Protein backbone atom coordinates (compact mmCIF):
# COMPACT_ATOMS: atom_id res chain seq x y z
CA MET A 1 95.66 99.83 110.93
CA ILE A 2 92.29 101.06 110.00
CA GLY A 3 90.35 98.57 109.13
CA VAL A 4 87.69 98.01 106.45
CA ILE A 5 87.23 100.98 104.00
CA ASP A 6 83.56 101.43 103.59
CA THR A 7 82.97 101.48 100.00
CA GLU A 8 79.07 102.08 100.26
CA GLY A 9 77.52 103.99 97.67
CA ASP A 10 80.51 103.34 95.37
CA GLU A 11 79.85 101.26 92.28
CA ALA A 12 83.76 100.09 91.90
CA GLY A 13 84.14 99.42 95.37
CA ARG A 14 81.50 96.90 95.45
CA ALA A 15 81.81 95.63 91.85
CA ALA A 16 82.31 91.98 91.54
CA GLY A 17 85.34 91.24 89.53
CA ALA A 18 87.38 94.15 90.94
CA GLU A 19 90.98 94.19 92.35
CA ARG A 20 91.85 95.85 95.07
CA ALA A 21 95.25 97.08 96.31
CA GLU A 22 95.71 98.02 100.07
CA TRP A 23 98.00 99.29 102.40
CA HIS A 24 98.44 101.23 105.95
CA PHE A 25 100.87 103.57 106.65
CA PRO A 26 101.95 105.62 109.91
CA ALA A 27 101.52 108.95 110.43
CA ASP A 28 105.03 109.49 109.53
CA PRO A 29 106.58 111.92 106.93
CA GLY A 30 108.18 108.68 105.14
CA ALA A 31 104.61 107.43 104.35
CA VAL A 32 103.61 109.97 101.45
CA ARG A 33 107.39 108.69 99.30
CA THR A 34 106.32 104.92 100.51
CA ALA A 35 102.76 105.35 99.31
CA ARG A 36 103.76 106.90 95.83
CA ALA A 37 106.12 104.13 95.13
CA ARG A 38 103.23 101.23 96.29
CA VAL A 39 100.58 102.85 94.09
CA ARG A 40 103.12 103.56 90.88
CA LYS A 41 104.44 99.60 91.51
CA GLN A 42 100.62 98.60 91.25
CA LEU A 43 99.50 100.58 88.62
CA ASP A 44 102.45 99.15 86.88
CA ALA A 45 101.79 95.77 87.56
CA TRP A 46 97.99 96.05 86.17
CA GLY A 47 98.99 97.84 83.52
CA LEU A 48 98.03 101.17 83.80
CA ASP A 49 101.11 103.03 83.57
CA GLN A 50 99.74 105.82 81.45
CA VAL A 51 97.23 106.96 84.61
CA GLY A 52 100.42 106.47 86.88
CA ASP A 53 101.93 110.14 87.19
CA VAL A 54 98.43 111.52 87.97
CA THR A 55 97.33 108.84 90.65
CA VAL A 56 100.80 109.49 92.47
CA LEU A 57 100.45 113.17 92.25
CA LEU A 58 97.02 113.04 93.41
CA VAL A 59 97.64 110.36 96.25
CA SER A 60 100.70 112.50 96.94
CA GLU A 61 98.72 115.48 98.11
CA LEU A 62 95.58 113.68 99.97
CA VAL A 63 98.71 111.54 101.86
CA THR A 64 100.26 114.93 102.59
CA ASN A 65 96.60 116.43 103.77
CA SER A 66 96.14 113.58 106.16
CA LEU A 67 99.85 113.83 107.99
CA ARG A 68 99.10 117.31 108.33
CA HIS A 69 95.79 117.22 109.95
CA ALA A 70 95.22 113.64 111.45
CA THR A 71 97.09 111.93 114.26
CA GLY A 72 96.75 108.35 113.35
CA PRO A 73 97.33 105.81 110.63
CA ILE A 74 96.41 106.63 107.00
CA GLY A 75 94.89 103.91 104.39
CA VAL A 76 95.27 104.04 100.83
CA SER A 77 93.46 101.81 98.36
CA LEU A 78 93.35 101.18 95.02
CA VAL A 79 90.18 99.09 92.91
CA ARG A 80 90.35 98.26 89.58
CA PRO A 81 87.30 97.16 87.84
CA VAL A 82 88.92 93.88 85.87
CA ASP A 83 86.61 94.40 82.62
CA GLY A 84 88.46 98.06 82.11
CA THR A 85 84.93 99.81 81.87
CA ALA A 86 84.44 101.35 84.96
CA PRO A 87 87.12 103.93 86.28
CA LEU A 88 90.07 103.54 88.77
CA LEU A 89 89.21 104.35 92.09
CA VAL A 90 91.59 105.41 94.50
CA GLU A 91 90.67 106.06 98.45
CA VAL A 92 92.89 107.70 101.06
CA SER A 93 91.32 107.71 104.94
CA ASP A 94 92.37 108.51 108.20
CA PRO A 95 90.84 108.70 111.37
CA LEU A 96 90.21 112.54 111.48
CA PRO A 97 86.12 112.42 111.01
CA ASP A 98 86.14 116.44 109.39
CA PRO A 99 85.94 116.47 105.69
CA PRO A 100 88.56 118.31 104.52
CA ARG A 101 87.73 121.89 102.85
CA GLU A 102 88.96 123.10 99.77
CA ARG A 103 90.01 126.58 99.54
CA SER A 104 91.20 129.35 97.45
CA ALA A 105 95.32 129.57 97.44
CA GLU A 106 97.26 132.78 97.02
CA PRO A 107 99.73 133.19 94.32
CA ASP A 108 102.18 132.99 96.78
CA ASP A 109 100.87 130.41 99.30
CA GLU A 110 102.81 127.35 99.78
CA SER A 111 100.20 125.13 100.56
CA GLY A 112 96.11 124.53 99.68
CA ARG A 113 95.89 123.22 96.00
CA GLY A 114 95.64 119.98 96.84
CA LEU A 115 92.12 119.31 96.47
CA GLN A 116 92.04 121.67 93.74
CA LEU A 117 94.49 119.46 92.19
CA VAL A 118 92.08 116.54 92.89
CA ALA A 119 88.86 118.38 91.60
CA CYS A 120 90.53 119.74 88.28
CA SER A 121 92.27 115.86 87.76
CA ALA A 122 90.02 113.21 88.46
CA ARG A 123 86.54 112.59 86.57
CA ARG A 124 84.96 112.78 90.24
CA TRP A 125 85.82 112.88 94.01
CA GLY A 126 84.54 113.29 97.29
CA THR A 127 84.50 112.20 100.85
CA ARG A 128 82.63 109.95 103.02
CA GLN A 129 82.08 109.19 106.48
CA GLY A 130 83.52 106.07 108.19
CA ARG A 131 83.64 103.72 111.32
CA THR A 132 86.34 105.66 112.18
CA GLY A 133 87.53 108.48 110.09
CA LYS A 134 86.91 109.66 106.74
CA THR A 135 87.84 108.83 103.31
CA VAL A 136 88.65 110.71 100.21
CA TRP A 137 88.16 108.92 97.06
CA PHE A 138 88.41 109.79 93.50
CA GLU A 139 88.02 108.56 90.57
CA LEU A 140 90.34 108.71 87.07
CA SER A 141 89.12 107.27 83.66
CA LEU A 142 90.87 104.82 82.38
CA PRO A 143 92.78 104.47 78.87
CA GLY A 144 90.67 102.60 76.35
């Protein structure tokens, strides 16, 4: 277990009345599939299936990055403000303290586009250090 994810500085993470779903996965290739399934199920339960495909894609990319570079457990969380005025906050944490590096993939490269997808698809994204590693987060606007 990673522990409490540090949401200091993120309004959505601290907002009163926000709903939070959080999971921890072992550093195992099956974690990507399981994370996608749990995220999609939670979004459906919240009535946010409209953002399901993009959320699942971005979570899949970030969990895959964690698996490639970290050796410990991976945390995934969703924070949905109940009033619907703030964006959906998605966080992926791992015990590696080094922040991810965005790189330019060549047309024939088989990897290196995950952070580019996050940057192009999310409203905002970033990283922050935690007590035991880092968190990569992104926000998605919710349908009005």
